[in-house]
PDB file of N, CA and C in Angstrom:
ATOM      1  N   MET A   1      13.174  22.354   8.225  1.00  0.00           N
ATOM      2  CA  MET A   1      12.670  21.627   7.093  1.00  0.00           C
ATOM      3  C   MET A   1      11.314  21.031   7.457  1.00  0.00           C
ATOM      4  N   SER A   2      10.384  21.229   6.595  1.00  0.00           N
ATOM      5  CA  SER A   2       8.998  20.878   6.881  1.00  0.00           C
ATOM      6  C   SER A   2       8.689  19.417   6.556  1.00  0.00           C
ATOM      7  N   MET A   3       7.486  19.021   6.908  1.00  0.00           N
ATOM      8  CA  MET A   3       7.018  17.676   6.590  1.00  0.00           C
ATOM      9  C   MET A   3       6.983  17.485   5.073  1.00  0.00           C
ATOM     10  N   ALA A   4       6.573  18.524   4.345  1.00  0.00           N
ATOM     11  CA  ALA A   4       6.545  18.444   2.880  1.00  0.00           C
ATOM     12  C   ALA A   4       7.953  18.207   2.333  1.00  0.00           C
ATOM     13  N   TRP A   5       8.947  18.859   2.915  1.00  0.00           N
ATOM     14  CA  TRP A   5      10.332  18.667   2.490  1.00  0.00           C
ATOM     15  C   TRP A   5      10.765  17.222   2.743  1.00  0.00           C
ATOM     16  N   VAL A   6      10.434  16.692   3.904  1.00  0.00           N
ATOM     17  CA  VAL A   6      10.782  15.305   4.241  1.00  0.00           C
ATOM     18  C   VAL A   6      10.150  14.353   3.232  1.00  0.00           C
ATOM     19  N   ARG A   7       8.871  14.563   2.918  1.00  0.00           N
ATOM     20  CA  ARG A   7       8.192  13.701   1.939  1.00  0.00           C
ATOM     21  C   ARG A   7       8.881  13.745   0.586  1.00  0.00           C
ATOM     22  N   LYS A   8       9.203  14.951   0.129  1.00  0.00           N
ATOM     23  CA  LYS A   8       9.800  15.105  -1.197  1.00  0.00           C
ATOM     24  C   LYS A   8      11.240  14.590  -1.233  1.00  0.00           C
ATOM     25  N   TYR A   9      12.060  14.992  -0.284  1.00  0.00           N
ATOM     26  CA  TYR A   9      13.481  14.658  -0.299  1.00  0.00           C
ATOM     27  C   TYR A   9      13.727  13.165  -0.109  1.00  0.00           C
ATOM     28  N   TYR A  10      12.994  12.548   0.819  1.00  0.00           N
ATOM     29  CA  TYR A  10      13.202  11.133   1.127  1.00  0.00           C
ATOM     30  C   TYR A  10      12.209  10.209   0.422  1.00  0.00           C
ATOM     31  N   SER A  11      11.262  10.771  -0.303  1.00  0.00           N
ATOM     32  CA  SER A  11      10.241   9.980  -1.018  1.00  0.00           C
ATOM     33  C   SER A  11       9.518   9.016  -0.078  1.00  0.00           C
ATOM     34  N   VAL A  12       9.046   9.554   1.022  1.00  0.00           N
ATOM     35  CA  VAL A  12       8.297   8.764   2.002  1.00  0.00           C
ATOM     36  C   VAL A  12       6.907   9.378   2.175  1.00  0.00           C
ATOM     37  N   PRO A  13       5.929   8.576   2.601  1.00  0.00           N
ATOM     38  CA  PRO A  13       4.562   9.081   2.771  1.00  0.00           C
ATOM     39  C   PRO A  13       4.299   9.650   4.168  1.00  0.00           C
ATOM     40  N   ALA A  14       5.288  10.307   4.751  1.00  0.00           N
ATOM     41  CA  ALA A  14       5.147  10.834   6.113  1.00  0.00           C
ATOM     42  C   ALA A  14       4.098  11.940   6.161  1.00  0.00           C
ATOM     43  N   LYS A  15       3.258  11.879   7.189  1.00  0.00           N
ATOM     44  CA  LYS A  15       2.277  12.940   7.415  1.00  0.00           C
ATOM     45  C   LYS A  15       1.963  12.997   8.899  1.00  0.00           C
ATOM     46  N   ARG A  16       1.611  14.175   9.365  1.00  0.00           N
ATOM     47  CA  ARG A  16       1.266  14.345  10.773  1.00  0.00           C
ATOM     48  C   ARG A  16       0.084  13.442  11.111  1.00  0.00           C
ATOM     49  N   GLY A  17       0.217  12.691  12.184  1.00  0.00           N
ATOM     50  CA  GLY A  17      -0.828  11.766  12.603  1.00  0.00           C
ATOM     51  C   GLY A  17      -0.697  10.386  11.988  1.00  0.00           C
ATOM     52  N   GLY A  18       0.243  10.223  11.050  1.00  0.00           N
ATOM     53  CA  GLY A  18       0.443   8.929  10.404  1.00  0.00           C
ATOM     54  C   GLY A  18       1.022   7.903  11.367  1.00  0.00           C
ATOM     55  N   ARG A  19       0.637   6.665  11.173  1.00  0.00           N
ATOM     56  CA  ARG A  19       1.118   5.579  12.025  1.00  0.00           C
ATOM     57  C   ARG A  19       2.333   4.916  11.387  1.00  0.00           C
ATOM     58  N   ILE A  20       3.283   4.528  12.245  1.00  0.00           N
ATOM     59  CA  ILE A  20       4.507   3.884  11.776  1.00  0.00           C
ATOM     60  C   ILE A  20       4.816   2.667  12.641  1.00  0.00           C
ATOM     61  N   GLU A  21       5.691   1.825  12.106  1.00  0.00           N
ATOM     62  CA  GLU A  21       6.281   0.744  12.893  1.00  0.00           C
ATOM     63  C   GLU A  21       7.781   0.967  12.863  1.00  0.00           C
ATOM     64  N   TYR A  22       8.388   1.080  14.030  1.00  0.00           N
ATOM     65  CA  TYR A  22       9.835   1.220  14.138  1.00  0.00           C
ATOM     66  C   TYR A  22      10.397  -0.168  14.405  1.00  0.00           C
ATOM     67  N   THR A  23      11.144  -0.698  13.439  1.00  0.00           N
ATOM     68  CA  THR A  23      11.661  -2.059  13.573  1.00  0.00           C
ATOM     69  C   THR A  23      12.988  -2.092  14.311  1.00  0.00           C
ATOM     70  N   GLY A  24      13.697  -1.002  14.354  1.00  0.00           N
ATOM     71  CA  GLY A  24      14.921  -0.908  15.142  1.00  0.00           C
ATOM     72  C   GLY A  24      16.064  -1.784  14.686  1.00  0.00           C
ATOM     73  N   GLY A  25      15.926  -2.430  13.539  1.00  0.00           N
ATOM     74  CA  GLY A  25      17.003  -3.257  13.027  1.00  0.00           C
ATOM     75  C   GLY A  25      17.075  -4.642  13.648  1.00  0.00           C
ATOM     76  N   TRP A  26      16.107  -4.964  14.512  1.00  0.00           N
ATOM     77  CA  TRP A  26      16.109  -6.281  15.137  1.00  0.00           C
ATOM     78  C   TRP A  26      15.576  -7.316  14.165  1.00  0.00           C
ATOM     79  N   ASN A  27      16.096  -8.510  14.243  1.00  0.00           N
ATOM     80  CA  ASN A  27      15.578  -9.613  13.435  1.00  0.00           C
ATOM     81  C   ASN A  27      14.297 -10.170  14.035  1.00  0.00           C
ATOM     82  N   ASP A  28      14.081  -9.907  15.301  1.00  0.00           N
ATOM     83  CA  ASP A  28      12.901 -10.389  16.018  1.00  0.00           C
ATOM     84  C   ASP A  28      11.783  -9.356  15.898  1.00  0.00           C
ATOM     85  N   LYS A  29      10.750  -9.661  15.101  1.00  0.00           N
ATOM     86  CA  LYS A  29       9.654  -8.714  14.874  1.00  0.00           C
ATOM     87  C   LYS A  29       8.891  -8.376  16.152  1.00  0.00           C
ATOM     88  N   SER A  30       8.985  -9.217  17.179  1.00  0.00           N
ATOM     89  CA  SER A  30       8.256  -8.939  18.414  1.00  0.00           C
ATOM     90  C   SER A  30       8.819  -7.719  19.143  1.00  0.00           C
ATOM     91  N   LYS A  31      10.008  -7.264  18.759  1.00  0.00           N
ATOM     92  CA  LYS A  31      10.613  -6.091  19.386  1.00  0.00           C
ATOM     93  C   LYS A  31      10.214  -4.792  18.693  1.00  0.00           C
ATOM     94  N   SER A  32       9.471  -4.886  17.603  1.00  0.00           N
ATOM     95  CA  SER A  32       9.028  -3.689  16.892  1.00  0.00           C
ATOM     96  C   SER A  32       8.158  -2.828  17.798  1.00  0.00           C
ATOM     97  N   ARG A  33       8.211  -1.517  17.564  1.00  0.00           N
ATOM     98  CA  ARG A  33       7.394  -0.577  18.332  1.00  0.00           C
ATOM     99  C   ARG A  33       6.566   0.246  17.360  1.00  0.00           C
ATOM    100  N   PHE A  34       5.366   0.567  17.755  1.00  0.00           N
ATOM    101  CA  PHE A  34       4.479   1.372  16.935  1.00  0.00           C
ATOM    102  C   PHE A  34       4.415   2.782  17.490  1.00  0.00           C
ATOM    103  N   GLY A  35       4.098   3.733  16.616  1.00  0.00           N
ATOM    104  CA  GLY A  35       4.020   5.112  17.059  1.00  0.00           C
ATOM    105  C   GLY A  35       3.263   5.982  16.077  1.00  0.00           C
ATOM    106  N   THR A  36       3.178   7.266  16.430  1.00  0.00           N
ATOM    107  CA  THR A  36       2.450   8.254  15.637  1.00  0.00           C
ATOM    108  C   THR A  36       3.373   9.418  15.315  1.00  0.00           C
ATOM    109  N   ILE A  37       3.382   9.831  14.056  1.00  0.00           N
ATOM    110  CA  ILE A  37       4.187  10.980  13.639  1.00  0.00           C
ATOM    111  C   ILE A  37       3.518  12.241  14.168  1.00  0.00           C
ATOM    112  N   ARG A  38       4.269  13.042  14.907  1.00  0.00           N
ATOM    113  CA  ARG A  38       3.738  14.283  15.473  1.00  0.00           C
ATOM    114  C   ARG A  38       4.126  15.507  14.649  1.00  0.00           C
ATOM    115  N   SER A  39       5.365  15.529  14.113  1.00  0.00           N
ATOM    116  CA  SER A  39       5.816  16.664  13.306  1.00  0.00           C
ATOM    117  C   SER A  39       7.163  16.318  12.681  1.00  0.00           C
ATOM    118  N   ALA A  40       7.741  17.298  11.991  1.00  0.00           N
ATOM    119  CA  ALA A  40       9.075  17.145  11.411  1.00  0.00           C
ATOM    120  C   ALA A  40       9.914  18.352  11.810  1.00  0.00           C
ATOM    121  N   SER A  41      11.207  18.118  11.992  1.00  0.00           N
ATOM    122  CA  SER A  41      12.116  19.190  12.367  1.00  0.00           C
ATOM    123  C   SER A  41      13.521  18.831  11.905  1.00  0.00           C
ATOM    124  N   SER A  42      14.166  19.748  11.215  1.00  0.00           N
ATOM    125  CA  SER A  42      15.548  19.555  10.754  1.00  0.00           C
ATOM    126  C   SER A  42      15.722  18.271   9.946  1.00  0.00           C
ATOM    127  N   GLY A  43      14.738  17.948   9.135  1.00  0.00           N
ATOM    128  CA  GLY A  43      14.829  16.770   8.288  1.00  0.00           C
ATOM    129  C   GLY A  43      14.582  15.456   8.998  1.00  0.00           C
ATOM    130  N   ARG A  44      14.160  15.506  10.235  1.00  0.00           N
ATOM    131  CA  ARG A  44      13.859  14.302  11.013  1.00  0.00           C
ATOM    132  C   ARG A  44      12.385  14.303  11.388  1.00  0.00           C
ATOM    133  N   LEU A  45      11.864  13.110  11.659  1.00  0.00           N
ATOM    134  CA  LEU A  45      10.481  12.992  12.109  1.00  0.00           C
ATOM    135  C   LEU A  45      10.446  12.960  13.628  1.00  0.00           C
ATOM    136  N   ARG A  46       9.493  13.657  14.190  1.00  0.00           N
ATOM    137  CA  ARG A  46       9.259  13.609  15.634  1.00  0.00           C
ATOM    138  C   ARG A  46       8.118  12.625  15.840  1.00  0.00           C
ATOM    139  N   ILE A  47       8.446  11.469  16.416  1.00  0.00           N
ATOM    140  CA  ILE A  47       7.489  10.376  16.561  1.00  0.00           C
ATOM    141  C   ILE A  47       7.270  10.076  18.034  1.00  0.00           C
ATOM    142  N   GLN A  48       6.003   9.939  18.396  1.00  0.00           N
ATOM    143  CA  GLN A  48       5.656   9.529  19.754  1.00  0.00           C
ATOM    144  C   GLN A  48       5.345   8.040  19.705  1.00  0.00           C
ATOM    145  N   LEU A  49       6.239   7.246  20.280  1.00  0.00           N
ATOM    146  CA  LEU A  49       6.025   5.804  20.321  1.00  0.00           C
ATOM    147  C   LEU A  49       4.900   5.492  21.301  1.00  0.00           C
ATOM    148  N   ASP A  50       4.130   4.477  20.988  1.00  0.00           N
ATOM    149  CA  ASP A  50       3.012   4.087  21.848  1.00  0.00           C
ATOM    150  C   ASP A  50       3.514   3.815  23.265  1.00  0.00           C
ATOM    151  N   GLY A  51       2.820   4.378  24.234  1.00  0.00           N
ATOM    152  CA  GLY A  51       3.176   4.185  25.634  1.00  0.00           C
ATOM    153  C   GLY A  51       4.196   5.182  26.153  1.00  0.00           C
ATOM    154  N   GLU A  52       4.739   6.021  25.285  1.00  0.00           N
ATOM    155  CA  GLU A  52       5.722   7.024  25.694  1.00  0.00           C
ATOM    156  C   GLU A  52       5.046   8.383  25.847  1.00  0.00           C
ATOM    157  N   LYS A  53       5.566   9.192  26.749  1.00  0.00           N
ATOM    158  CA  LYS A  53       4.996  10.508  27.001  1.00  0.00           C
ATOM    159  C   LYS A  53       5.562  11.565  26.047  1.00  0.00           C
ATOM    160  N   HIS A  54       6.810  11.403  25.645  1.00  0.00           N
ATOM    161  CA  HIS A  54       7.496  12.405  24.839  1.00  0.00           C
ATOM    162  C   HIS A  54       7.801  11.874  23.441  1.00  0.00           C
ATOM    163  N   VAL A  55       8.109  12.794  22.530  1.00  0.00           N
ATOM    164  CA  VAL A  55       8.479  12.404  21.173  1.00  0.00           C
ATOM    165  C   VAL A  55       9.974  12.096  21.103  1.00  0.00           C
ATOM    166  N   THR A  56      10.338  11.320  20.090  1.00  0.00           N
ATOM    167  CA  THR A  56      11.727  10.979  19.807  1.00  0.00           C
ATOM    168  C   THR A  56      11.980  11.287  18.341  1.00  0.00           C
ATOM    169  N   TYR A  57      13.202  11.713  18.015  1.00  0.00           N
ATOM    170  CA  TYR A  57      13.553  12.035  16.632  1.00  0.00           C
ATOM    171  C   TYR A  57      14.020  10.781  15.894  1.00  0.00           C
ATOM    172  N   PHE A  58      13.507  10.605  14.668  1.00  0.00           N
ATOM    173  CA  PHE A  58      13.878   9.467  13.836  1.00  0.00           C
ATOM    174  C   PHE A  58      14.198   9.940  12.427  1.00  0.00           C
ATOM    175  N   HIS A  59      15.153   9.271  11.790  1.00  0.00           N
ATOM    176  CA  HIS A  59      15.418   9.520  10.374  1.00  0.00           C
ATOM    177  C   HIS A  59      14.261   8.915   9.584  1.00  0.00           C
ATOM    178  N   PRO A  60      13.765   9.611   8.562  1.00  0.00           N
ATOM    179  CA  PRO A  60      12.575   9.149   7.835  1.00  0.00           C
ATOM    180  C   PRO A  60      12.709   7.814   7.111  1.00  0.00           C
ATOM    181  N   THR A  61      13.924   7.351   6.844  1.00  0.00           N
ATOM    182  CA  THR A  61      14.071   6.090   6.112  1.00  0.00           C
ATOM    183  C   THR A  61      14.735   4.989   6.928  1.00  0.00           C
ATOM    184  N   TRP A  62      15.172   5.273   8.142  1.00  0.00           N
ATOM    185  CA  TRP A  62      15.918   4.280   8.907  1.00  0.00           C
ATOM    186  C   TRP A  62      14.983   3.448   9.781  1.00  0.00           C
ATOM    187  N   GLU A  63      14.757   2.202   9.373  1.00  0.00           N
ATOM    188  CA  GLU A  63      13.990   1.229  10.152  1.00  0.00           C
ATOM    189  C   GLU A  63      12.566   1.690  10.459  1.00  0.00           C
ATOM    190  N   ILE A  64      11.967   2.455   9.540  1.00  0.00           N
ATOM    191  CA  ILE A  64      10.593   2.933   9.705  1.00  0.00           C
ATOM    192  C   ILE A  64       9.729   2.313   8.611  1.00  0.00           C
ATOM    193  N   ARG A  65       8.606   1.763   9.018  1.00  0.00           N
ATOM    194  CA  ARG A  65       7.621   1.259   8.056  1.00  0.00           C
ATOM    195  C   ARG A  65       6.364   2.105   8.229  1.00  0.00           C
ATOM    196  N   TYR A  66       5.916   2.722   7.145  1.00  0.00           N
ATOM    197  CA  TYR A  66       4.753   3.608   7.177  1.00  0.00           C
ATOM    198  C   TYR A  66       3.490   2.770   6.999  1.00  0.00           C
ATOM    199  N   LEU A  67       2.702   2.656   8.049  1.00  0.00           N
ATOM    200  CA  LEU A  67       1.544   1.772   8.036  1.00  0.00           C
ATOM    201  C   LEU A  67       0.392   2.328   7.212  1.00  0.00           C
ATOM    202  N   ASP A  68       0.145   3.617   7.278  1.00  0.00           N
ATOM    203  CA  ASP A  68      -0.959   4.216   6.531  1.00  0.00           C
ATOM    204  C   ASP A  68      -0.749   4.062   5.029  1.00  0.00           C
ATOM    205  N   ALA A  69       0.494   4.110   4.580  1.00  0.00           N
ATOM    206  CA  ALA A  69       0.800   3.993   3.154  1.00  0.00           C
ATOM    207  C   ALA A  69       0.451   2.599   2.643  1.00  0.00           C
ATOM    208  N   GLU A  70       0.661   1.584   3.470  1.00  0.00           N
ATOM    209  CA  GLU A  70       0.350   0.219   3.062  1.00  0.00           C
ATOM    210  C   GLU A  70      -1.152   0.010   2.932  1.00  0.00           C
ATOM    211  N   ALA A  71      -1.924   0.701   3.740  1.00  0.00           N
ATOM    212  CA  ALA A  71      -3.375   0.575   3.669  1.00  0.00           C
ATOM    213  C   ALA A  71      -3.910   1.165   2.362  1.00  0.00           C
ATOM    214  N   LEU A  72      -3.208   2.166   1.830  1.00  0.00           N
ATOM    215  CA  LEU A  72      -3.638   2.812   0.592  1.00  0.00           C
ATOM    216  C   LEU A  72      -3.232   2.023  -0.643  1.00  0.00           C
ATOM    217  N   ALA A  73      -2.224   1.165  -0.503  1.00  0.00           N
ATOM    218  CA  ALA A  73      -1.702   0.420  -1.669  1.00  0.00           C
ATOM    219  C   ALA A  73      -2.622  -0.710  -2.085  1.00  0.00           C
TER     220      ALA A  73
END
């Protein structure tokens, strides 16, 4: 499933190179992590968190805040 599919199915502004904030469900905002969307695979986003060497898979709507989308609003 492509990035276009993820955008349409989940109604999110995901795009390659887009910046996100992963809140992880913590109440403490200082634990949030930032990252960059690298690609999509099997309906999940492949995100490289800042300071990490490898990508991690994330659900497009679970604890993700799309930073680029807020700049456009």
